[in-house]
Amino acid sequence: MSLANYQKTQATTNPRQAEYRLFAEVTRALMDVKDGPRDDAFHKAAHWNLRMWLAFQEDLSSPDNKLPDELKAGIISLSIWVEKETFRIISGETKLDDMIEINRTIMAGLAT
């Protein structure tokens, strides 16, 4: 699901459901490439994940976001980690495993 589709879906779906679906699609893309070569598909999946997290960071920074400040701060901190970790992943310093685990943890929270 592209970010444009995510925004369109938000209008007709519970936001948590839309966020869960987006996380599921992005995480599936990461899982599909995690054991393969660091090719174009690998880089696209890593960048898609980063774009998703940056979009959430932007939304959380908005004064219109009604989540509790402590929760917003925690998720923004995670998004900063994701940004740094993405560059480590792309450079070959580390693997996608921790990124996938973070996404799964967020998905579990969205599912409750």
PDB file of N, CA and C in Angstrom:
ATOM      1  N   MET A   1       0.864  -1.170   0.000  1.00  0.00           N
ATOM      2  CA  MET A   1       0.000   0.000   0.000  1.00  0.00           C
ATOM      3  C   MET A   1       0.904   1.224   0.000  1.00  0.00           C
ATOM      4  N   SER A   2       0.673   2.090  -0.969  1.00  0.00           N
ATOM      5  CA  SER A   2       1.456   3.321  -1.010  1.00  0.00           C
ATOM      6  C   SER A   2       0.966   4.277   0.065  1.00  0.00           C
ATOM      7  N   LEU A   3       1.771   5.283   0.341  1.00  0.00           N
ATOM      8  CA  LEU A   3       1.362   6.267   1.341  1.00  0.00           C
ATOM      9  C   LEU A   3       0.105   7.005   0.894  1.00  0.00           C
ATOM     10  N   ALA A   4      -0.050   7.243  -0.425  1.00  0.00           N
ATOM     11  CA  ALA A   4      -1.265   7.895  -0.926  1.00  0.00           C
ATOM     12  C   ALA A   4      -2.478   7.004  -0.684  1.00  0.00           C
ATOM     13  N   ASN A   5      -2.322   5.707  -0.947  1.00  0.00           N
ATOM     14  CA  ASN A   5      -3.418   4.769  -0.681  1.00  0.00           C
ATOM     15  C   ASN A   5      -3.710   4.698   0.804  1.00  0.00           C
ATOM     16  N   TYR A   6      -2.677   4.751   1.622  1.00  0.00           N
ATOM     17  CA  TYR A   6      -2.862   4.745   3.074  1.00  0.00           C
ATOM     18  C   TYR A   6      -3.713   5.938   3.491  1.00  0.00           C
ATOM     19  N   GLN A   7      -3.388   7.104   2.967  1.00  0.00           N
ATOM     20  CA  GLN A   7      -4.136   8.303   3.325  1.00  0.00           C
ATOM     21  C   GLN A   7      -5.577   8.211   2.848  1.00  0.00           C
ATOM     22  N   LYS A   8      -5.790   7.648   1.653  1.00  0.00           N
ATOM     23  CA  LYS A   8      -7.144   7.473   1.120  1.00  0.00           C
ATOM     24  C   LYS A   8      -7.923   6.473   1.969  1.00  0.00           C
ATOM     25  N   THR A   9      -7.278   5.390   2.361  1.00  0.00           N
ATOM     26  CA  THR A   9      -7.922   4.359   3.159  1.00  0.00           C
ATOM     27  C   THR A   9      -8.293   4.891   4.533  1.00  0.00           C
ATOM     28  N   GLN A  10      -7.498   5.793   5.072  1.00  0.00           N
ATOM     29  CA  GLN A  10      -7.781   6.358   6.389  1.00  0.00           C
ATOM     30  C   GLN A  10      -9.161   6.991   6.447  1.00  0.00           C
ATOM     31  N   ALA A  11      -9.633   7.518   5.326  1.00  0.00           N
ATOM     32  CA  ALA A  11     -10.925   8.194   5.318  1.00  0.00           C
ATOM     33  C   ALA A  11     -12.083   7.216   5.493  1.00  0.00           C
ATOM     34  N   THR A  12     -11.886   5.949   5.132  1.00  0.00           N
ATOM     35  CA  THR A  12     -12.976   4.972   5.170  1.00  0.00           C
ATOM     36  C   THR A  12     -12.757   3.854   6.179  1.00  0.00           C
ATOM     37  N   THR A  13     -11.625   3.813   6.806  1.00  0.00           N
ATOM     38  CA  THR A  13     -11.275   2.726   7.705  1.00  0.00           C
ATOM     39  C   THR A  13     -10.846   3.291   9.048  1.00  0.00           C
ATOM     40  N   ASN A  14     -11.019   2.487  10.068  1.00  0.00           N
ATOM     41  CA  ASN A  14     -10.483   2.827  11.377  1.00  0.00           C
ATOM     42  C   ASN A  14      -8.984   3.088  11.207  1.00  0.00           C
ATOM     43  N   PRO A  15      -8.470   4.207  11.706  1.00  0.00           N
ATOM     44  CA  PRO A  15      -7.043   4.518  11.519  1.00  0.00           C
ATOM     45  C   PRO A  15      -6.108   3.410  12.017  1.00  0.00           C
ATOM     46  N   ARG A  16      -6.442   2.775  13.128  1.00  0.00           N
ATOM     47  CA  ARG A  16      -5.584   1.697  13.639  1.00  0.00           C
ATOM     48  C   ARG A  16      -5.540   0.532  12.658  1.00  0.00           C
ATOM     49  N   GLN A  17      -6.683   0.226  12.042  1.00  0.00           N
ATOM     50  CA  GLN A  17      -6.728  -0.859  11.061  1.00  0.00           C
ATOM     51  C   GLN A  17      -5.878  -0.513   9.839  1.00  0.00           C
ATOM     52  N   ALA A  18      -5.986   0.731   9.379  1.00  0.00           N
ATOM     53  CA  ALA A  18      -5.194   1.163   8.226  1.00  0.00           C
ATOM     54  C   ALA A  18      -3.700   1.122   8.550  1.00  0.00           C
ATOM     55  N   GLU A  19      -3.334   1.578   9.738  1.00  0.00           N
ATOM     56  CA  GLU A  19      -1.928   1.544  10.147  1.00  0.00           C
ATOM     57  C   GLU A  19      -1.432   0.110  10.260  1.00  0.00           C
ATOM     58  N   TYR A  20      -2.258  -0.762  10.819  1.00  0.00           N
ATOM     59  CA  TYR A  20      -1.875  -2.167  10.941  1.00  0.00           C
ATOM     60  C   TYR A  20      -1.631  -2.758   9.555  1.00  0.00           C
ATOM     61  N   ARG A  21      -2.559  -2.506   8.628  1.00  0.00           N
ATOM     62  CA  ARG A  21      -2.405  -3.051   7.269  1.00  0.00           C
ATOM     63  C   ARG A  21      -1.134  -2.540   6.610  1.00  0.00           C
ATOM     64  N   LEU A  22      -0.859  -1.245   6.774  1.00  0.00           N
ATOM     65  CA  LEU A  22       0.356  -0.686   6.182  1.00  0.00           C
ATOM     66  C   LEU A  22       1.595  -1.338   6.793  1.00  0.00           C
ATOM     67  N   PHE A  23       1.633  -1.446   8.116  1.00  0.00           N
ATOM     68  CA  PHE A  23       2.765  -2.115   8.763  1.00  0.00           C
ATOM     69  C   PHE A  23       2.904  -3.550   8.269  1.00  0.00           C
ATOM     70  N   ALA A  24       1.781  -4.255   8.106  1.00  0.00           N
ATOM     71  CA  ALA A  24       1.824  -5.649   7.654  1.00  0.00           C
ATOM     72  C   ALA A  24       2.415  -5.745   6.250  1.00  0.00           C
ATOM     73  N   GLU A  25       1.995  -4.861   5.359  1.00  0.00           N
ATOM     74  CA  GLU A  25       2.508  -4.900   3.990  1.00  0.00           C
ATOM     75  C   GLU A  25       3.993  -4.561   3.934  1.00  0.00           C
ATOM     76  N   VAL A  26       4.389  -3.537   4.644  1.00  0.00           N
ATOM     77  CA  VAL A  26       5.800  -3.136   4.645  1.00  0.00           C
ATOM     78  C   VAL A  26       6.655  -4.224   5.293  1.00  0.00           C
ATOM     79  N   THR A  27       6.182  -4.781   6.390  1.00  0.00           N
ATOM     80  CA  THR A  27       6.943  -5.820   7.086  1.00  0.00           C
ATOM     81  C   THR A  27       7.061  -7.066   6.227  1.00  0.00           C
ATOM     82  N   ARG A  28       5.999  -7.421   5.506  1.00  0.00           N
ATOM     83  CA  ARG A  28       6.057  -8.567   4.582  1.00  0.00           C
ATOM     84  C   ARG A  28       7.121  -8.311   3.522  1.00  0.00           C
ATOM     85  N   ALA A  29       7.186  -7.091   2.998  1.00  0.00           N
ATOM     86  CA  ALA A  29       8.201  -6.759   1.992  1.00  0.00           C
ATOM     87  C   ALA A  29       9.606  -6.918   2.571  1.00  0.00           C
ATOM     88  N   LEU A  30       9.802  -6.490   3.816  1.00  0.00           N
ATOM     89  CA  LEU A  30      11.110  -6.654   4.464  1.00  0.00           C
ATOM     90  C   LEU A  30      11.443  -8.132   4.642  1.00  0.00           C
ATOM     91  N   MET A  31      10.462  -8.907   5.064  1.00  0.00           N
ATOM     92  CA  MET A  31      10.690 -10.341   5.283  1.00  0.00           C
ATOM     93  C   MET A  31      11.014 -11.053   3.969  1.00  0.00           C
ATOM     94  N   ASP A  32      10.383 -10.616   2.890  1.00  0.00           N
ATOM     95  CA  ASP A  32      10.613 -11.239   1.587  1.00  0.00           C
ATOM     96  C   ASP A  32      12.045 -11.051   1.093  1.00  0.00           C
ATOM     97  N   VAL A  33      12.713  -9.978   1.512  1.00  0.00           N
ATOM     98  CA  VAL A  33      14.059  -9.691   1.001  1.00  0.00           C
ATOM     99  C   VAL A  33      15.162  -9.904   2.027  1.00  0.00           C
ATOM    100  N   LYS A  34      14.814 -10.212   3.266  1.00  0.00           N
ATOM    101  CA  LYS A  34      15.820 -10.201   4.337  1.00  0.00           C
ATOM    102  C   LYS A  34      16.948 -11.203   4.144  1.00  0.00           C
ATOM    103  N   ASP A  35      16.687 -12.333   3.524  1.00  0.00           N
ATOM    104  CA  ASP A  35      17.734 -13.338   3.352  1.00  0.00           C
ATOM    105  C   ASP A  35      18.315 -13.354   1.943  1.00  0.00           C
ATOM    106  N   GLY A  36      17.868 -12.435   1.113  1.00  0.00           N
ATOM    107  CA  GLY A  36      18.344 -12.397  -0.260  1.00  0.00           C
ATOM    108  C   GLY A  36      19.478 -11.407  -0.449  1.00  0.00           C
ATOM    109  N   PRO A  37      19.825 -11.187  -1.708  1.00  0.00           N
ATOM    110  CA  PRO A  37      20.895 -10.221  -2.002  1.00  0.00           C
ATOM    111  C   PRO A  37      20.424  -8.793  -1.730  1.00  0.00           C
ATOM    112  N   ARG A  38      21.350  -7.924  -1.533  1.00  0.00           N
ATOM    113  CA  ARG A  38      21.026  -6.508  -1.307  1.00  0.00           C
ATOM    114  C   ARG A  38      20.865  -5.834  -2.676  1.00  0.00           C
ATOM    115  N   ASP A  39      19.790  -6.248  -3.328  1.00  0.00           N
ATOM    116  CA  ASP A  39      19.514  -5.770  -4.677  1.00  0.00           C
ATOM    117  C   ASP A  39      18.469  -4.655  -4.649  1.00  0.00           C
ATOM    118  N   ASP A  40      17.923  -4.355  -5.815  1.00  0.00           N
ATOM    119  CA  ASP A  40      16.946  -3.274  -5.916  1.00  0.00           C
ATOM    120  C   ASP A  40      15.721  -3.538  -5.040  1.00  0.00           C
ATOM    121  N   ALA A  41      15.234  -4.767  -5.017  1.00  0.00           N
ATOM    122  CA  ALA A  41      14.065  -5.107  -4.192  1.00  0.00           C
ATOM    123  C   ALA A  41      14.373  -4.894  -2.709  1.00  0.00           C
ATOM    124  N   PHE A  42      15.560  -5.254  -2.289  1.00  0.00           N
ATOM    125  CA  PHE A  42      15.991  -5.059  -0.902  1.00  0.00           C
ATOM    126  C   PHE A  42      15.963  -3.568  -0.541  1.00  0.00           C
ATOM    127  N   HIS A  43      16.578  -2.763  -1.396  1.00  0.00           N
ATOM    128  CA  HIS A  43      16.649  -1.322  -1.133  1.00  0.00           C
ATOM    129  C   HIS A  43      15.266  -0.672  -1.168  1.00  0.00           C
ATOM    130  N   LYS A  44      14.415  -1.127  -2.088  1.00  0.00           N
ATOM    131  CA  LYS A  44      13.057  -0.580  -2.156  1.00  0.00           C
ATOM    132  C   LYS A  44      12.286  -0.887  -0.879  1.00  0.00           C
ATOM    133  N   ALA A  45      12.402  -2.110  -0.383  1.00  0.00           N
ATOM    134  CA  ALA A  45      11.700  -2.491   0.852  1.00  0.00           C
ATOM    135  C   ALA A  45      12.211  -1.667   2.034  1.00  0.00           C
ATOM    136  N   ALA A  46      13.522  -1.517   2.135  1.00  0.00           N
ATOM    137  CA  ALA A  46      14.098  -0.739   3.242  1.00  0.00           C
ATOM    138  C   ALA A  46      13.659   0.727   3.172  1.00  0.00           C
ATOM    139  N   HIS A  47      13.641   1.285   1.977  1.00  0.00           N
ATOM    140  CA  HIS A  47      13.226   2.683   1.827  1.00  0.00           C
ATOM    141  C   HIS A  47      11.723   2.853   2.057  1.00  0.00           C
ATOM    142  N   TRP A  48      10.926   1.858   1.654  1.00  0.00           N
ATOM    143  CA  TRP A  48       9.479   1.917   1.897  1.00  0.00           C
ATOM    144  C   TRP A  48       9.225   1.954   3.407  1.00  0.00           C
ATOM    145  N   ASN A  49       9.940   1.111   4.127  1.00  0.00           N
ATOM    146  CA  ASN A  49       9.812   1.094   5.583  1.00  0.00           C
ATOM    147  C   ASN A  49      10.193   2.458   6.175  1.00  0.00           C
ATOM    148  N   LEU A  50      11.291   3.010   5.703  1.00  0.00           N
ATOM    149  CA  LEU A  50      11.726   4.319   6.199  1.00  0.00           C
ATOM    150  C   LEU A  50      10.686   5.396   5.896  1.00  0.00           C
ATOM    151  N   ARG A  51      10.161   5.407   4.671  1.00  0.00           N
ATOM    152  CA  ARG A  51       9.150   6.409   4.312  1.00  0.00           C
ATOM    153  C   ARG A  51       7.912   6.289   5.199  1.00  0.00           C
ATOM    154  N   MET A  52       7.510   5.057   5.500  1.00  0.00           N
ATOM    155  CA  MET A  52       6.361   4.850   6.378  1.00  0.00           C
ATOM    156  C   MET A  52       6.630   5.463   7.747  1.00  0.00           C
ATOM    157  N   TRP A  53       7.789   5.144   8.319  1.00  0.00           N
ATOM    158  CA  TRP A  53       8.115   5.658   9.650  1.00  0.00           C
ATOM    159  C   TRP A  53       8.230   7.183   9.654  1.00  0.00           C
ATOM    160  N   LEU A  54       8.794   7.756   8.600  1.00  0.00           N
ATOM    161  CA  LEU A  54       8.905   9.214   8.532  1.00  0.00           C
ATOM    162  C   LEU A  54       7.526   9.866   8.413  1.00  0.00           C
ATOM    163  N   ALA A  55       6.604   9.205   7.706  1.00  0.00           N
ATOM    164  CA  ALA A  55       5.235   9.724   7.613  1.00  0.00           C
ATOM    165  C   ALA A  55       4.568   9.699   8.984  1.00  0.00           C
ATOM    166  N   PHE A  56       4.782   8.617   9.736  1.00  0.00           N
ATOM    167  CA  PHE A  56       4.232   8.558  11.091  1.00  0.00           C
ATOM    168  C   PHE A  56       4.866   9.638  11.974  1.00  0.00           C
ATOM    169  N   GLN A  57       6.164   9.835  11.818  1.00  0.00           N
ATOM    170  CA  GLN A  57       6.848  10.861  12.613  1.00  0.00           C
ATOM    171  C   GLN A  57       6.251  12.237  12.323  1.00  0.00           C
ATOM    172  N   GLU A  58       6.011  12.517  11.063  1.00  0.00           N
ATOM    173  CA  GLU A  58       5.415  13.805  10.694  1.00  0.00           C
ATOM    174  C   GLU A  58       4.018  13.943  11.298  1.00  0.00           C
ATOM    175  N   ASP A  59       3.219  12.885  11.205  1.00  0.00           N
ATOM    176  CA  ASP A  59       1.869  12.917  11.768  1.00  0.00           C
ATOM    177  C   ASP A  59       1.904  13.117  13.283  1.00  0.00           C
ATOM    178  N   LEU A  60       2.815  12.428  13.936  1.00  0.00           N
ATOM    179  CA  LEU A  60       2.910  12.532  15.396  1.00  0.00           C
ATOM    180  C   LEU A  60       3.373  13.915  15.845  1.00  0.00           C
ATOM    181  N   SER A  61       4.079  14.615  14.987  1.00  0.00           N
ATOM    182  CA  SER A  61       4.572  15.956  15.315  1.00  0.00           C
ATOM    183  C   SER A  61       3.505  17.032  15.129  1.00  0.00           C
ATOM    184  N   SER A  62       2.405  16.647  14.509  1.00  0.00           N
ATOM    185  CA  SER A  62       1.328  17.601  14.255  1.00  0.00           C
ATOM    186  C   SER A  62       0.564  17.923  15.537  1.00  0.00           C
ATOM    187  N   PRO A  63       0.215  19.183  15.739  1.00  0.00           N
ATOM    188  CA  PRO A  63      -0.585  19.538  16.920  1.00  0.00           C
ATOM    189  C   PRO A  63      -1.976  18.896  16.890  1.00  0.00           C
ATOM    190  N   ASP A  64      -2.421  18.455  15.714  1.00  0.00           N
ATOM    191  CA  ASP A  64      -3.727  17.807  15.592  1.00  0.00           C
ATOM    192  C   ASP A  64      -3.714  16.362  16.076  1.00  0.00           C
ATOM    193  N   ASN A  65      -2.525  15.778  16.243  1.00  0.00           N
ATOM    194  CA  ASN A  65      -2.447  14.390  16.700  1.00  0.00           C
ATOM    195  C   ASN A  65      -2.860  14.323  18.166  1.00  0.00           C
ATOM    196  N   LYS A  66      -3.817  13.448  18.456  1.00  0.00           N
ATOM    197  CA  LYS A  66      -4.417  13.390  19.799  1.00  0.00           C
ATOM    198  C   LYS A  66      -3.831  12.302  20.698  1.00  0.00           C
ATOM    199  N   LEU A  67      -2.815  11.587  20.235  1.00  0.00           N
ATOM    200  CA  LEU A  67      -2.200  10.575  21.101  1.00  0.00           C
ATOM    201  C   LEU A  67      -1.554  11.248  22.308  1.00  0.00           C
ATOM    202  N   PRO A  68      -1.448  10.522  23.415  1.00  0.00           N
ATOM    203  CA  PRO A  68      -0.757  11.077  24.589  1.00  0.00           C
ATOM    204  C   PRO A  68       0.697  11.440  24.246  1.00  0.00           C
ATOM    205  N   ASP A  69       1.172  12.526  24.829  1.00  0.00           N
ATOM    206  CA  ASP A  69       2.524  13.016  24.531  1.00  0.00           C
ATOM    207  C   ASP A  69       3.595  11.961  24.769  1.00  0.00           C
ATOM    208  N   GLU A  70       3.465  11.192  25.835  1.00  0.00           N
ATOM    209  CA  GLU A  70       4.469  10.169  26.139  1.00  0.00           C
ATOM    210  C   GLU A  70       4.516   9.105  25.045  1.00  0.00           C
ATOM    211  N   LEU A  71       3.349   8.693  24.543  1.00  0.00           N
ATOM    212  CA  LEU A  71       3.299   7.706  23.468  1.00  0.00           C
ATOM    213  C   LEU A  71       3.875   8.290  22.187  1.00  0.00           C
ATOM    214  N   LYS A  72       3.508   9.527  21.878  1.00  0.00           N
ATOM    215  CA  LYS A  72       4.056  10.179  20.683  1.00  0.00           C
ATOM    216  C   LYS A  72       5.578  10.252  20.757  1.00  0.00           C
ATOM    217  N   ALA A  73       6.098  10.637  21.904  1.00  0.00           N
ATOM    218  CA  ALA A  73       7.552  10.754  22.067  1.00  0.00           C
ATOM    219  C   ALA A  73       8.235   9.407  21.866  1.00  0.00           C
ATOM    220  N   GLY A  74       7.643   8.351  22.398  1.00  0.00           N
ATOM    221  CA  GLY A  74       8.222   7.020  22.245  1.00  0.00           C
ATOM    222  C   GLY A  74       8.249   6.567  20.799  1.00  0.00           C
ATOM    223  N   ILE A  75       7.154   6.813  20.074  1.00  0.00           N
ATOM    224  CA  ILE A  75       7.095   6.400  18.668  1.00  0.00           C
ATOM    225  C   ILE A  75       8.029   7.260  17.823  1.00  0.00           C
ATOM    226  N   ILE A  76       8.116   8.547  18.127  1.00  0.00           N
ATOM    227  CA  ILE A  76       9.053   9.413  17.401  1.00  0.00           C
ATOM    228  C   ILE A  76      10.490   8.947  17.645  1.00  0.00           C
ATOM    229  N   SER A  77      10.808   8.557  18.863  1.00  0.00           N
ATOM    230  CA  SER A  77      12.150   8.021  19.155  1.00  0.00           C
ATOM    231  C   SER A  77      12.420   6.773  18.328  1.00  0.00           C
ATOM    232  N   LEU A  78      11.420   5.909  18.222  1.00  0.00           N
ATOM    233  CA  LEU A  78      11.580   4.711  17.386  1.00  0.00           C
ATOM    234  C   LEU A  78      11.813   5.096  15.930  1.00  0.00           C
ATOM    235  N   SER A  79      11.094   6.092  15.446  1.00  0.00           N
ATOM    236  CA  SER A  79      11.259   6.481  14.046  1.00  0.00           C
ATOM    237  C   SER A  79      12.654   7.042  13.787  1.00  0.00           C
ATOM    238  N   ILE A  80      13.217   7.721  14.762  1.00  0.00           N
ATOM    239  CA  ILE A  80      14.593   8.219  14.627  1.00  0.00           C
ATOM    240  C   ILE A  80      15.561   7.041  14.577  1.00  0.00           C
ATOM    241  N   TRP A  81      15.326   6.029  15.416  1.00  0.00           N
ATOM    242  CA  TRP A  81      16.149   4.822  15.388  1.00  0.00           C
ATOM    243  C   TRP A  81      16.021   4.139  14.032  1.00  0.00           C
ATOM    244  N   VAL A  82      14.785   4.047  13.510  1.00  0.00           N
ATOM    245  CA  VAL A  82      14.555   3.409  12.212  1.00  0.00           C
ATOM    246  C   VAL A  82      15.342   4.133  11.127  1.00  0.00           C
ATOM    247  N   GLU A  83      15.341   5.449  11.166  1.00  0.00           N
ATOM    248  CA  GLU A  83      16.075   6.218  10.160  1.00  0.00           C
ATOM    249  C   GLU A  83      17.572   5.896  10.212  1.00  0.00           C
ATOM    250  N   LYS A  84      18.146   5.917  11.390  1.00  0.00           N
ATOM    251  CA  LYS A  84      19.577   5.605  11.533  1.00  0.00           C
ATOM    252  C   LYS A  84      19.864   4.157  11.148  1.00  0.00           C
ATOM    253  N   GLU A  85      19.006   3.254  11.600  1.00  0.00           N
ATOM    254  CA  GLU A  85      19.213   1.825  11.340  1.00  0.00           C
ATOM    255  C   GLU A  85      19.080   1.508   9.854  1.00  0.00           C
ATOM    256  N   THR A  86      18.194   2.217   9.164  1.00  0.00           N
ATOM    257  CA  THR A  86      18.021   1.988   7.726  1.00  0.00           C
ATOM    258  C   THR A  86      19.327   2.238   6.990  1.00  0.00           C
ATOM    259  N   PHE A  87      20.022   3.292   7.338  1.00  0.00           N
ATOM    260  CA  PHE A  87      21.289   3.581   6.672  1.00  0.00           C
ATOM    261  C   PHE A  87      22.346   2.527   7.012  1.00  0.00           C
ATOM    262  N   ARG A  88      22.310   1.995   8.223  1.00  0.00           N
ATOM    263  CA  ARG A  88      23.223   0.905   8.590  1.00  0.00           C
ATOM    264  C   ARG A  88      22.877  -0.359   7.803  1.00  0.00           C
ATOM    265  N   ILE A  89      21.599  -0.612   7.612  1.00  0.00           N
ATOM    266  CA  ILE A  89      21.155  -1.789   6.859  1.00  0.00           C
ATOM    267  C   ILE A  89      21.587  -1.662   5.404  1.00  0.00           C
ATOM    268  N   ILE A  90      21.315  -0.517   4.812  1.00  0.00           N
ATOM    269  CA  ILE A  90      21.645  -0.315   3.399  1.00  0.00           C
ATOM    270  C   ILE A  90      23.148  -0.398   3.164  1.00  0.00           C
ATOM    271  N   SER A  91      23.934   0.064   4.120  1.00  0.00           N
ATOM    272  CA  SER A  91      25.391   0.008   3.964  1.00  0.00           C
ATOM    273  C   SER A  91      25.959  -1.375   4.258  1.00  0.00           C
ATOM    274  N   GLY A  92      25.112  -2.292   4.725  1.00  0.00           N
ATOM    275  CA  GLY A  92      25.563  -3.654   4.988  1.00  0.00           C
ATOM    276  C   GLY A  92      26.097  -3.880   6.389  1.00  0.00           C
ATOM    277  N   GLU A  93      25.993  -2.890   7.264  1.00  0.00           N
ATOM    278  CA  GLU A  93      26.503  -3.022   8.633  1.00  0.00           C
ATOM    279  C   GLU A  93      25.660  -3.957   9.492  1.00  0.00           C
ATOM    280  N   THR A  94      24.383  -4.061   9.174  1.00  0.00           N
ATOM    281  CA  THR A  94      23.482  -4.887   9.970  1.00  0.00           C
ATOM    282  C   THR A  94      22.390  -5.451   9.077  1.00  0.00           C
ATOM    283  N   LYS A  95      21.569  -6.321   9.640  1.00  0.00           N
ATOM    284  CA  LYS A  95      20.508  -6.985   8.876  1.00  0.00           C
ATOM    285  C   LYS A  95      19.150  -6.395   9.221  1.00  0.00           C
ATOM    286  N   LEU A  96      18.130  -6.890   8.557  1.00  0.00           N
ATOM    287  CA  LEU A  96      16.771  -6.394   8.731  1.00  0.00           C
ATOM    288  C   LEU A  96      16.049  -6.956   9.949  1.00  0.00           C
ATOM    289  N   ASP A  97      16.622  -7.917  10.633  1.00  0.00           N
ATOM    290  CA  ASP A  97      15.912  -8.627  11.702  1.00  0.00           C
ATOM    291  C   ASP A  97      15.348  -7.710  12.785  1.00  0.00           C
ATOM    292  N   ASP A  98      16.134  -6.787  13.297  1.00  0.00           N
ATOM    293  CA  ASP A  98      15.648  -5.892  14.353  1.00  0.00           C
ATOM    294  C   ASP A  98      14.532  -4.982  13.842  1.00  0.00           C
ATOM    295  N   MET A  99      14.665  -4.531  12.598  1.00  0.00           N
ATOM    296  CA  MET A  99      13.647  -3.672  11.999  1.00  0.00           C
ATOM    297  C   MET A  99      12.323  -4.422  11.890  1.00  0.00           C
ATOM    298  N   ILE A 100      12.401  -5.661  11.448  1.00  0.00           N
ATOM    299  CA  ILE A 100      11.198  -6.493  11.331  1.00  0.00           C
ATOM    300  C   ILE A 100      10.575  -6.700  12.701  1.00  0.00           C
ATOM    301  N   GLU A 101      11.395  -6.944  13.701  1.00  0.00           N
ATOM    302  CA  GLU A 101      10.881  -7.161  15.060  1.00  0.00           C
ATOM    303  C   GLU A 101      10.195  -5.909  15.608  1.00  0.00           C
ATOM    304  N   ILE A 102      10.765  -4.748  15.363  1.00  0.00           N
ATOM    305  CA  ILE A 102      10.134  -3.490  15.797  1.00  0.00           C
ATOM    306  C   ILE A 102       8.769  -3.339  15.132  1.00  0.00           C
ATOM    307  N   ASN A 103       8.717  -3.572  13.823  1.00  0.00           N
ATOM    308  CA  ASN A 103       7.442  -3.454  13.116  1.00  0.00           C
ATOM    309  C   ASN A 103       6.414  -4.429  13.675  1.00  0.00           C
ATOM    310  N   ARG A 104       6.837  -5.651  13.941  1.00  0.00           N
ATOM    311  CA  ARG A 104       5.907  -6.644  14.504  1.00  0.00           C
ATOM    312  C   ARG A 104       5.409  -6.217  15.885  1.00  0.00           C
ATOM    313  N   THR A 105       6.267  -5.629  16.674  1.00  0.00           N
ATOM    314  CA  THR A 105       5.857  -5.154  17.999  1.00  0.00           C
ATOM    315  C   THR A 105       4.813  -4.050  17.868  1.00  0.00           C
ATOM    316  N   ILE A 106       5.024  -3.131  16.941  1.00  0.00           N
ATOM    317  CA  ILE A 106       4.042  -2.070  16.704  1.00  0.00           C
ATOM    318  C   ILE A 106       2.732  -2.679  16.217  1.00  0.00           C
ATOM    319  N   MET A 107       2.813  -3.660  15.331  1.00  0.00           N
ATOM    320  CA  MET A 107       1.604  -4.320  14.838  1.00  0.00           C
ATOM    321  C   MET A 107       0.830  -4.971  15.981  1.00  0.00           C
ATOM    322  N   ALA A 108       1.536  -5.591  16.899  1.00  0.00           N
ATOM    323  CA  ALA A 108       0.870  -6.220  18.043  1.00  0.00           C
ATOM    324  C   ALA A 108       0.132  -5.167  18.869  1.00  0.00           C
ATOM    325  N   GLY A 109       0.751  -4.013  19.043  1.00  0.00           N
ATOM    326  CA  GLY A 109       0.095  -2.935  19.774  1.00  0.00           C
ATOM    327  C   GLY A 109      -1.123  -2.397  19.044  1.00  0.00           C
ATOM    328  N   LEU A 110      -1.040  -2.313  17.725  1.00  0.00           N
ATOM    329  CA  LEU A 110      -2.174  -1.831  16.942  1.00  0.00           C
ATOM    330  C   LEU A 110      -3.327  -2.830  16.929  1.00  0.00           C
ATOM    331  N   ALA A 111      -3.002  -4.110  17.107  1.00  0.00           N
ATOM    332  CA  ALA A 111      -4.024  -5.160  17.060  1.00  0.00           C
ATOM    333  C   ALA A 111      -4.847  -5.237  18.337  1.00  0.00           C
ATOM    334  N   THR A 112      -4.389  -4.595  19.415  1.00  0.00           N
ATOM    335  CA  THR A 112      -5.126  -4.688  20.686  1.00  0.00           C
ATOM    336  C   THR A 112      -6.159  -3.597  20.820  1.00  0.00           C
TER     337      THR A 112
END
